[in-house]
Amino acid sequence: MKIGIDIRETVYEKAGKGYYAAHLVDEILKRDKINQYILYTDCPVEIYRTFENAETRIISKKGLFWHKAVLKNAYKEELDLYFAPTSYIIPALHNPKKLRVIMTVHDLVAFLFPQRHNKKAVFTEKLTLKRALSKVVKILSVSENTKRDLINQFNCKEDLIDIVSNAASEIYEPIPTDIHSHFIRNYDIPERFIFCAGTLEPRKNYPTLLKSFAKVLEEEPKIKLLIAGKRGWMYEEIYQTVQRLGIADNVKFLGYIPERELVYLYNLATVFVWPSLYEGFGIPPLEAMQTGCPVITSNTSSLPEVVGEGALTVDPKCEKSLTEAILRVLEDKELSAHLVKKGFQQSRKFSWKLSADRFLDIIKSL
């Protein structure tokens, strides 16, 4: 088959959807030497040039014009299949008689919690997703939770949805302490710290984490909180909360951290805390578990499905429960070690190799 894939979000500072597209496409190309791939992007990409059966095609347009130009090219190339791992626009626009399309749905936050999501994204998804769902030949969901959301929200047929889950990259693994030394110096990393990673936006629930951390400081006055992630929409409240609580000396914002350095933070952290309000999957807790860091996360949406018995789960809206969970892990070494052991076991259930194999099995069956 000749297959087109949208790889735009594999290029820039990646968040969840970008990581999904980058790692899944990379693994698909490593494992599939039979099908031919056209990788559509809007800027030069170097990482896929080593694959003989993949051609990177740059469409130098932006916004809706990019999607229309790609769709025109897909018709011209007579693609057998087009895969949209991060966007619903081409799935909504395409003519099913001319092109078969599959797409990934990561979450339904724009429909379930629009007030916690970027307004432009909410508008675009509400305009395109329902139409796309009626036209694609297969929907890929990243979790059972998102699959249930699709069925409940849009009455999708269950047999139209298959799960191709996220995973943590193989780079996330335990690393010997001596390798961390240069990173510790460069970023002035404290000896003991709570770590959180994710875009600074309302859905990640940072204000509740900060309020809980302020309570933790009453029992553990020397502990620090390190937060890695680029600024998203409505990030200002997070900084305002730090100032209002008077905890600025104990909180450090690291900005966007690339994977090759993020793995050090997971290795060095005393505990990883991720009280997100809603996730279609939630890669960071899996990354933390895979590196041997104890995890505390939310008991909502897909997160219990992802972490299994490998993490403490709490009500993300309950500041007291989160505070108590953090103090338990900080003070109880046996509990911390138990979470590390269970986390390793749970993380082995997910890999990009398994997800790529699942994807290839699905497209063979179409």
Protein backbone atom coordinates (compact mmCIF):
# COMPACT_ATOMS: atom_id res chain seq x y z
CA MET A 1 0.00 0.00 0.00
CA LYS A 2 0.90 3.64 -0.40
CA ILE A 3 0.20 5.38 2.90
CA GLY A 4 0.27 9.08 3.76
CA ILE A 5 0.89 10.32 7.33
CA ASP A 6 0.70 13.79 8.87
CA ILE A 7 3.99 14.21 10.81
CA ARG A 8 3.91 17.96 11.54
CA GLU A 9 3.75 17.60 15.31
CA THR A 10 6.81 15.34 15.41
CA VAL A 11 9.06 18.31 14.67
CA TYR A 12 8.64 21.03 17.28
CA GLU A 13 8.63 21.10 21.09
CA LYS A 14 6.41 18.10 21.53
CA ALA A 15 3.63 17.43 24.00
CA GLY A 16 1.50 14.26 24.23
CA LYS A 17 0.15 14.13 20.66
CA GLY A 18 3.55 15.02 19.21
CA TYR A 19 5.28 12.27 21.16
CA TYR A 20 2.62 9.80 20.02
CA ALA A 21 3.08 10.69 16.36
CA ALA A 22 6.89 10.78 16.53
CA HIS A 23 7.42 7.49 18.33
CA LEU A 24 4.65 5.56 16.59
CA VAL A 25 5.70 6.63 13.08
CA ASP A 26 9.35 5.90 13.86
CA GLU A 27 8.52 2.39 15.06
CA ILE A 28 6.12 1.73 12.15
CA LEU A 29 8.87 2.58 9.65
CA LYS A 30 11.38 0.39 11.47
CA ARG A 31 9.04 -2.60 11.37
CA ASP A 32 7.32 -2.22 7.98
CA LYS A 33 9.50 -2.65 4.88
CA ILE A 34 6.64 -3.56 2.55
CA ASN A 35 4.34 -0.53 2.38
CA GLN A 36 5.41 2.82 0.96
CA TYR A 37 4.96 5.98 3.05
CA ILE A 38 4.61 9.66 2.19
CA LEU A 39 5.21 11.75 5.31
CA TYR A 40 3.53 15.13 5.03
CA THR A 41 4.95 18.09 6.92
CA ASP A 42 5.30 21.87 6.66
CA CYS A 43 9.06 22.17 7.32
CA PRO A 44 12.24 20.11 6.78
CA VAL A 45 12.53 16.92 8.84
CA GLU A 46 15.78 14.96 9.05
CA ILE A 47 14.87 12.00 11.25
CA TYR A 48 13.02 9.91 8.65
CA ARG A 49 15.54 10.15 5.79
CA THR A 50 17.18 6.83 6.65
CA PHE A 51 14.04 4.85 5.78
CA GLU A 52 14.10 3.71 2.14
CA ASN A 53 10.35 3.18 1.92
CA ALA A 54 9.49 6.66 3.29
CA GLU A 55 9.50 10.01 1.51
CA THR A 56 9.14 13.28 3.43
CA ARG A 57 6.99 15.71 1.48
CA ILE A 58 7.06 19.37 2.53
CA ILE A 59 3.90 21.38 1.88
CA SER A 60 4.89 25.00 2.54
CA LYS A 61 1.50 26.30 3.57
CA LYS A 62 -0.16 27.03 6.90
CA GLY A 63 -3.49 26.39 8.54
CA LEU A 64 -6.41 25.20 6.42
CA PHE A 65 -4.40 25.82 3.22
CA TRP A 66 -1.91 23.12 4.31
CA HIS A 67 -4.65 20.56 4.83
CA LYS A 68 -6.30 21.31 1.50
CA ALA A 69 -2.95 21.09 -0.33
CA VAL A 70 -2.15 17.75 1.34
CA LEU A 71 -5.57 16.38 0.49
CA LYS A 72 -5.13 17.43 -3.14
CA ASN A 73 -1.74 15.70 -3.22
CA ALA A 74 -3.15 12.57 -1.58
CA TYR A 75 -5.77 12.30 -4.33
CA LYS A 76 -3.12 12.86 -7.01
CA GLU A 77 -0.88 10.17 -5.51
CA GLU A 78 -3.87 7.81 -5.28
CA LEU A 79 -2.97 6.89 -1.73
CA ASP A 80 -4.40 3.65 -0.44
CA LEU A 81 -4.64 5.07 3.06
CA TYR A 82 -4.07 8.34 4.95
CA PHE A 83 -3.28 8.35 8.69
CA ALA A 84 -4.02 11.45 10.78
CA PRO A 85 -2.40 10.90 14.21
CA THR A 86 -2.97 14.41 15.62
CA SER A 87 -5.57 16.33 13.58
CA TYR A 88 -9.22 15.87 12.57
CA ILE A 89 -9.24 18.35 9.69
CA ILE A 90 -8.34 16.09 6.74
CA PRO A 91 -10.52 13.28 8.16
CA ALA A 92 -13.40 15.80 8.17
CA LEU A 93 -12.67 17.23 4.71
CA HIS A 94 -11.80 14.16 2.64
CA ASN A 95 -14.00 12.41 0.10
CA PRO A 96 -14.37 8.77 1.29
CA LYS A 97 -14.87 7.68 -2.32
CA LYS A 98 -11.40 8.96 -3.22
CA LEU A 99 -9.40 8.20 -0.07
CA ARG A 100 -9.56 5.91 2.92
CA VAL A 101 -8.63 7.68 6.16
CA ILE A 102 -7.88 6.51 9.69
CA MET A 103 -7.33 8.87 12.59
CA THR A 104 -6.33 8.83 16.24
CA VAL A 105 -8.55 10.37 18.89
CA HIS A 106 -6.48 11.16 21.97
CA ASP A 107 -9.16 12.61 24.22
CA LEU A 108 -12.47 14.43 24.27
CA VAL A 109 -11.45 17.28 26.55
CA ALA A 110 -12.84 19.83 24.06
CA PHE A 111 -16.28 18.28 24.53
CA LEU A 112 -16.21 17.15 28.16
CA PHE A 113 -14.21 20.02 29.72
CA PRO A 114 -14.12 22.86 27.16
CA GLN A 115 -13.45 25.44 29.89
CA ARG A 116 -10.10 23.74 30.60
CA HIS A 117 -8.98 23.61 26.98
CA ASN A 118 -7.58 26.10 24.48
CA LYS A 119 -10.48 28.02 22.91
CA LYS A 120 -9.14 27.71 19.37
CA ALA A 121 -8.68 23.95 19.78
CA VAL A 122 -12.20 23.61 21.20
CA PHE A 123 -13.67 25.47 18.23
CA THR A 124 -11.68 23.41 15.68
CA GLU A 125 -12.45 20.05 17.28
CA LYS A 126 -16.15 20.79 17.67
CA LEU A 127 -16.24 21.84 14.02
CA THR A 128 -14.43 18.76 12.67
CA LEU A 129 -14.53 15.70 14.94
CA LYS A 130 -18.17 14.64 14.56
CA ARG A 131 -17.95 14.94 10.78
CA ALA A 132 -14.62 13.07 10.73
CA LEU A 133 -16.01 10.20 12.80
CA SER A 134 -18.71 9.59 10.20
CA LYS A 135 -16.24 9.41 7.30
CA VAL A 136 -13.14 7.51 8.45
CA VAL A 137 -12.70 3.75 7.96
CA LYS A 138 -11.14 3.28 11.39
CA ILE A 139 -10.80 5.25 14.63
CA LEU A 140 -7.73 4.66 16.76
CA SER A 141 -8.13 5.41 20.46
CA VAL A 142 -5.16 5.69 22.83
CA SER A 143 -7.03 4.14 25.77
CA GLU A 144 -10.13 2.25 26.82
CA ASN A 145 -11.27 5.42 28.57
CA THR A 146 -11.21 7.47 25.38
CA LYS A 147 -12.95 4.63 23.55
CA ARG A 148 -15.77 4.74 26.12
CA ASP A 149 -15.94 8.52 25.81
CA LEU A 150 -16.33 8.22 22.03
CA ILE A 151 -19.12 5.68 22.35
CA ASN A 152 -20.94 7.70 25.03
CA GLN A 153 -20.48 11.12 23.44
CA PHE A 154 -20.94 10.29 19.74
CA ASN A 155 -22.62 6.87 19.77
CA CYS A 156 -19.71 5.44 17.74
CA LYS A 157 -19.92 1.78 16.83
CA GLU A 158 -17.57 -0.17 19.04
CA ASP A 159 -16.16 -2.24 16.17
CA LEU A 160 -15.06 0.97 14.39
CA ILE A 161 -12.65 1.76 17.25
CA ASP A 162 -9.35 0.02 17.92
CA ILE A 163 -6.83 0.89 20.62
CA VAL A 164 -3.29 1.88 19.70
CA SER A 165 -1.99 3.14 23.00
CA ASN A 166 0.77 5.51 23.95
CA ALA A 167 3.96 4.28 25.56
CA ALA A 168 7.11 5.64 27.12
CA SER A 169 10.21 5.84 24.95
CA GLU A 170 12.97 3.32 25.61
CA ILE A 171 15.17 6.25 26.68
CA TYR A 172 13.30 6.29 30.00
CA GLU A 173 15.23 3.87 32.16
CA PRO A 174 17.24 3.91 35.39
CA ILE A 175 20.57 5.72 34.89
CA PRO A 176 23.66 5.43 37.15
CA THR A 177 24.02 8.40 39.52
CA ASP A 178 27.44 9.48 38.24
CA ILE A 179 25.99 10.20 34.78
CA HIS A 180 23.66 12.80 36.33
CA SER A 181 26.42 15.01 37.74
CA HIS A 182 26.72 17.48 34.85
CA PHE A 183 22.93 17.83 34.65
CA ILE A 184 22.69 18.50 38.38
CA ARG A 185 25.26 21.29 38.09
CA ASN A 186 23.75 22.86 34.95
CA TYR A 187 20.22 23.03 36.34
CA ASP A 188 21.11 23.42 40.03
CA ILE A 189 19.05 20.34 40.94
CA PRO A 190 18.38 19.88 44.68
CA GLU A 191 19.05 16.61 46.50
CA ARG A 192 15.35 15.90 47.28
CA PHE A 193 12.50 17.20 45.16
CA ILE A 194 8.96 16.56 43.97
CA PHE A 195 8.72 16.56 40.19
CA CYS A 196 5.89 17.32 37.79
CA ALA A 197 6.01 17.55 33.99
CA GLY A 198 3.48 18.87 31.52
CA THR A 199 2.32 21.95 29.65
CA LEU A 200 1.36 24.81 31.97
CA GLU A 201 -2.41 24.92 31.38
CA PRO A 202 -5.61 24.58 33.46
CA ARG A 203 -6.24 20.88 32.76
CA LYS A 204 -2.96 19.86 34.43
CA ASN A 205 -4.28 21.17 37.76
CA TYR A 206 -1.10 22.94 38.89
CA PRO A 207 -2.86 25.29 41.37
CA THR A 208 -4.07 22.30 43.42
CA LEU A 209 -0.57 20.79 43.31
CA LEU A 210 0.92 24.07 44.52
CA LYS A 211 -1.58 24.38 47.38
CA SER A 212 -0.82 20.82 48.45
CA PHE A 213 2.90 21.50 48.16
CA ALA A 214 2.53 24.52 50.47
CA LYS A 215 1.03 22.15 53.07
CA VAL A 216 3.82 19.63 52.50
CA LEU A 217 6.37 22.36 53.25
CA GLU A 218 4.96 22.64 56.76
CA GLU A 219 6.19 19.08 57.41
CA GLU A 220 9.12 19.01 54.97
CA PRO A 221 10.48 22.60 54.85
CA LYS A 222 13.55 21.72 52.75
CA ILE A 223 11.75 19.88 49.95
CA LYS A 224 11.57 21.54 46.51
CA LEU A 225 9.06 21.32 43.68
CA LEU A 226 10.44 21.24 40.11
CA ILE A 227 8.06 21.70 37.19
CA ALA A 228 9.05 20.98 33.57
CA GLY A 229 6.83 22.15 30.74
CA LYS A 230 6.29 24.95 28.28
CA ARG A 231 3.75 27.69 28.89
CA GLY A 232 0.32 26.88 27.55
CA TRP A 233 -2.88 28.89 27.60
CA MET A 234 -3.92 30.63 30.85
CA TYR A 235 -0.60 29.76 32.49
CA GLU A 236 -0.55 33.03 34.45
CA GLU A 237 -2.69 31.64 37.30
CA ILE A 238 0.06 29.12 38.08
CA TYR A 239 2.69 31.80 38.70
CA GLN A 240 0.17 33.91 40.61
CA THR A 241 -0.59 30.96 42.90
CA VAL A 242 3.11 30.53 43.71
CA GLN A 243 3.37 34.19 44.71
CA ARG A 244 0.13 34.18 46.68
CA LEU A 245 1.21 31.13 48.69
CA GLY A 246 4.66 32.58 49.35
CA ILE A 247 6.48 29.45 48.14
CA ALA A 248 8.58 30.93 45.32
CA ASP A 249 11.86 29.96 47.02
CA ASN A 250 10.86 26.29 46.91
CA VAL A 251 9.35 26.11 43.41
CA LYS A 252 11.42 26.06 40.23
CA PHE A 253 9.98 26.25 36.70
CA LEU A 254 12.37 24.60 34.24
CA GLY A 255 10.51 25.35 31.00
CA TYR A 256 10.45 22.84 28.15
CA ILE A 257 12.93 19.99 28.75
CA PRO A 258 13.89 17.65 25.85
CA GLU A 259 13.63 13.91 26.36
CA ARG A 260 17.38 13.34 26.66
CA GLU A 261 17.37 15.57 29.79
CA LEU A 262 13.88 14.78 31.07
CA VAL A 263 15.01 11.24 31.81
CA TYR A 264 17.54 12.63 34.32
CA LEU A 265 14.80 14.47 36.21
CA TYR A 266 12.71 11.33 36.55
CA ASN A 267 15.78 9.46 37.82
CA LEU A 268 16.67 12.14 40.35
CA ALA A 269 13.17 12.95 41.65
CA THR A 270 12.06 11.73 45.06
CA VAL A 271 8.48 11.38 43.80
CA PHE A 272 6.63 12.25 40.59
CA VAL A 273 3.25 13.93 41.18
CA TRP A 274 0.75 14.36 38.34
CA PRO A 275 -2.75 15.44 39.48
CA SER A 276 -4.20 16.09 36.02
CA LEU A 277 -7.96 16.57 35.87
CA TYR A 278 -8.48 14.67 32.61
CA GLU A 279 -6.24 12.69 30.24
CA GLY A 280 -6.88 10.61 27.16
CA PHE A 281 -3.86 8.56 28.19
CA GLY A 282 -1.16 10.33 30.23
CA ILE A 283 2.41 9.49 29.19
CA PRO A 284 4.43 11.19 31.99
CA PRO A 285 3.39 8.80 34.81
CA LEU A 286 4.41 5.91 32.56
CA GLU A 287 7.77 7.57 31.85
CA ALA A 288 8.33 8.05 35.58
CA MET A 289 7.46 4.43 36.41
CA GLN A 290 9.76 3.18 33.67
CA THR A 291 12.71 5.09 35.20
CA GLY A 292 12.05 3.83 38.73
CA CYS A 293 10.45 6.93 40.21
CA PRO A 294 7.47 6.48 42.59
CA VAL A 295 4.30 8.04 41.17
CA ILE A 296 1.24 9.79 42.55
CA THR A 297 -1.48 10.62 40.04
CA SER A 298 -5.22 11.13 39.61
CA ASN A 299 -7.91 8.51 40.01
CA THR A 300 -9.85 9.94 37.05
CA SER A 301 -10.21 9.37 33.28
CA SER A 302 -7.57 7.06 31.78
CA LEU A 303 -4.94 7.38 34.49
CA PRO A 304 -5.94 4.36 36.65
CA GLU A 305 -5.90 2.31 33.43
CA VAL A 306 -2.35 3.48 32.64
CA VAL A 307 -0.75 3.18 36.07
CA GLY A 308 -2.58 0.10 37.37
CA GLU A 309 -1.12 -0.85 40.76
CA GLY A 310 2.10 1.03 39.97
CA ALA A 311 1.09 4.34 41.54
CA LEU A 312 -0.90 5.96 44.32
CA THR A 313 -4.07 7.45 42.87
CA VAL A 314 -6.00 10.29 44.50
CA ASP A 315 -8.92 12.61 43.80
CA PRO A 316 -7.20 15.45 41.93
CA LYS A 317 -9.71 17.97 43.27
CA CYS A 318 -8.98 17.07 46.91
CA GLU A 319 -6.04 19.09 48.14
CA LYS A 320 -5.94 17.18 51.45
CA SER A 321 -5.75 13.75 49.78
CA LEU A 322 -2.94 14.89 47.52
CA THR A 323 -1.01 16.39 50.44
CA GLU A 324 -1.36 13.20 52.47
CA ALA A 325 -0.24 11.03 49.55
CA ILE A 326 2.87 13.14 48.93
CA LEU A 327 3.85 13.06 52.61
CA ARG A 328 3.32 9.28 52.74
CA VAL A 329 5.74 8.69 49.87
CA LEU A 330 8.29 11.19 51.19
CA GLU A 331 8.28 9.67 54.67
CA ASP A 332 7.71 5.95 54.02
CA LYS A 333 10.69 4.33 52.28
CA GLU A 334 8.98 0.94 52.12
CA LEU A 335 5.99 2.44 50.33
CA SER A 336 8.28 4.28 47.94
CA ALA A 337 10.18 1.07 47.13
CA HIS A 338 6.88 -0.82 46.67
CA LEU A 339 5.65 1.79 44.17
CA VAL A 340 8.93 1.60 42.25
CA LYS A 341 8.64 -2.21 41.98
CA LYS A 342 5.00 -2.14 40.91
CA GLY A 343 5.72 0.74 38.54
CA PHE A 344 8.35 -1.26 36.68
CA GLN A 345 5.91 -4.17 36.33
CA GLN A 346 3.10 -1.95 35.02
CA SER A 347 5.27 -0.02 32.56
CA ARG A 348 6.26 -3.25 30.78
CA LYS A 349 2.68 -3.58 29.53
CA PHE A 350 3.25 -0.69 27.11
CA SER A 351 5.79 -0.16 24.32
CA TRP A 352 5.94 1.60 20.96
CA LYS A 353 6.85 -1.73 19.37
CA LEU A 354 3.58 -3.26 20.58
CA SER A 355 1.65 -0.18 19.42
CA ALA A 356 3.29 -0.21 15.99
CA ASP A 357 2.54 -3.92 15.57
CA ARG A 358 -1.06 -3.25 16.51
CA PHE A 359 -1.26 -0.42 13.96
CA LEU A 360 0.15 -2.63 11.20
CA ASP A 361 -2.27 -5.43 12.04
CA ILE A 362 -5.16 -2.97 11.84
CA ILE A 363 -4.24 -1.59 8.42
CA LYS A 364 -3.76 -5.11 7.07
CA SER A 365 -7.33 -5.90 8.06
CA LEU A 366 -8.89 -2.90 6.29
